[in-house]
Structures are given as structure tokens and as C-alpha cells.
Amino acid sequence: MTDTGNLTIDRVQSAKTAFLEVLSAKRSLELDITACEEIDLSGLQLLVSLLRSSLSGSGKVSFRGAPTEAFNAVLLTAGVIESPCRTAEEVEEKIKAVL
């Protein structure tokens, strides 16, 4: 499992590189979203991109843990959800629904 850490515009490029390295080596990437205390729209865009790539056969991407308040806030801001998610599975389902 890989900790997402904070996903803000100043960290997205390095996170993308790290996530893609794990994905290419293991063909699966399980992201722990419980430690994501800071996330902005660029961080959400990275996660959406990773999920979209996984749906096209580029490996398996999944989320684990409960979303933080900040994580739910960015999902609400982006219009992905109407009410806060309680689980990582719910987050995955909501993001995949808008792909």
C-alpha cells in the first residue's frame, strides 16, 4: 500500500512519478487516502487520471482507508459528490462514475 501523502499542486508531479513507478513495477497501486490532509484540484486530477488509466488496462489502481475531511472537501468542490464519502470504496465508485 502506498500512502498518498498530501496532493497539492507543488507535490503532484513528484507523486505522479512515484505512483507510476509503483504501478509499472507491480501492475497494481493501492493508495491509502487516510493521510491525505491536503489535496487540491490538481491532486484530484492526478487520482482521476490514475483511475482512468487503470480502467484502460494500465494496471489496477484502488483506494484504501477512510477519506479525510480535506479529501471530501475537494470532491465536493469538484462536483464529484453531493455528500461526504465514508469509505475509500465509495470514493472510487463516485470518481469512476464521472469518468
Protein backbone atom coordinates (compact mmCIF):
# COMPACT_ATOMS: atom_id res chain seq x y z
CA MET A 1 0.00 0.00 0.00
CA THR A 2 1.25 3.46 -0.89
CA ASP A 3 0.46 6.49 1.25
CA THR A 4 -0.88 9.32 -0.91
CA GLY A 5 0.54 11.96 1.38
CA ASN A 6 -0.61 15.46 0.60
CA LEU A 7 -1.59 16.04 -3.01
CA THR A 8 -1.29 19.72 -3.79
CA ILE A 9 -0.04 21.41 -6.93
CA ASP A 10 3.51 21.68 -5.60
CA ARG A 11 3.70 17.92 -4.93
CA VAL A 12 1.64 16.40 -7.75
CA GLN A 13 4.48 15.92 -10.23
CA SER A 14 6.69 14.03 -7.79
CA ALA A 15 3.70 11.98 -6.57
CA LYS A 16 2.78 11.13 -10.16
CA THR A 17 6.30 9.90 -10.85
CA ALA A 18 6.34 7.77 -7.68
CA PHE A 19 2.87 6.33 -8.31
CA LEU A 20 3.66 5.44 -11.93
CA GLU A 21 6.90 3.71 -10.87
CA VAL A 22 4.99 1.51 -8.43
CA LEU A 23 2.25 0.86 -10.97
CA SER A 24 4.68 -0.15 -13.70
CA ALA A 25 6.67 -2.42 -11.39
CA LYS A 26 3.78 -4.12 -9.61
CA ARG A 27 0.90 -3.65 -12.09
CA SER A 28 -1.19 -2.54 -9.12
CA LEU A 29 -1.28 0.53 -6.92
CA GLU A 30 -3.22 0.63 -3.68
CA LEU A 31 -3.41 4.19 -2.36
CA ASP A 32 -4.04 4.88 1.32
CA ILE A 33 -6.08 8.09 1.42
CA THR A 34 -6.28 8.36 5.23
CA ALA A 35 -3.13 10.50 5.44
CA CYS A 36 -4.20 12.96 2.74
CA GLU A 37 -4.71 16.06 4.88
CA GLU A 38 -4.14 18.46 1.97
CA ILE A 39 -5.45 17.94 -1.54
CA ASP A 40 -6.39 20.41 -4.23
CA LEU A 41 -7.89 20.04 -7.69
CA SER A 42 -4.52 19.14 -9.22
CA GLY A 43 -4.21 16.26 -6.73
CA LEU A 44 -7.72 15.11 -7.56
CA GLN A 45 -6.89 15.34 -11.27
CA LEU A 46 -3.91 13.02 -10.70
CA LEU A 47 -6.08 10.45 -8.91
CA VAL A 48 -8.74 10.64 -11.63
CA SER A 49 -6.05 10.16 -14.27
CA LEU A 50 -4.65 7.12 -12.46
CA LEU A 51 -8.11 5.56 -12.19
CA ARG A 52 -8.85 6.30 -15.85
CA SER A 53 -5.58 4.65 -16.88
CA SER A 54 -6.36 1.60 -14.77
CA LEU A 55 -9.74 1.23 -16.48
CA SER A 56 -7.98 1.14 -19.85
CA GLY A 57 -5.79 -1.77 -18.74
CA SER A 58 -2.71 0.02 -17.45
CA GLY A 59 -2.73 -1.84 -14.16
CA LYS A 60 -5.04 -1.81 -11.16
CA VAL A 61 -5.48 1.29 -9.02
CA SER A 62 -7.52 1.23 -5.83
CA PHE A 63 -8.01 3.35 -2.72
CA ARG A 64 -7.93 2.20 0.90
CA GLY A 65 -8.88 3.84 4.18
CA ALA A 66 -11.40 6.49 5.08
CA PRO A 67 -11.25 9.80 3.22
CA THR A 68 -10.20 12.81 5.26
CA GLU A 69 -12.27 15.95 5.58
CA ALA A 70 -9.95 17.66 3.07
CA PHE A 71 -10.37 14.79 0.62
CA ASN A 72 -14.16 15.01 0.83
CA ALA A 73 -13.99 18.80 0.52
CA VAL A 74 -12.15 18.65 -2.82
CA LEU A 75 -14.58 16.01 -4.11
CA LEU A 76 -17.48 18.30 -3.13
CA THR A 77 -15.81 21.35 -4.71
CA ALA A 78 -15.24 19.47 -7.96
CA GLY A 79 -18.85 18.28 -8.04
CA VAL A 80 -17.89 14.61 -7.81
CA ILE A 81 -20.03 14.04 -4.71
CA GLU A 82 -23.03 15.70 -3.08
CA SER A 83 -22.37 14.43 0.42
CA PRO A 84 -19.18 13.21 2.13
CA CYS A 85 -17.91 9.69 1.43
CA ARG A 86 -17.23 7.38 4.36
CA THR A 87 -15.03 4.77 2.70
CA ALA A 88 -12.34 4.52 0.06
CA GLU A 89 -14.57 2.19 -1.93
CA GLU A 90 -17.26 4.86 -2.04
CA VAL A 91 -14.69 7.42 -3.22
CA GLU A 92 -13.58 5.07 -6.00
CA GLU A 93 -17.15 4.42 -7.07
CA LYS A 94 -18.00 8.15 -7.20
CA ILE A 95 -14.88 9.06 -9.19
CA LYS A 96 -15.40 6.19 -11.65
CA ALA A 97 -18.99 7.35 -12.15
CA VAL A 98 -17.77 10.64 -13.63
CA LEU A 99 -15.16 9.12 -15.95
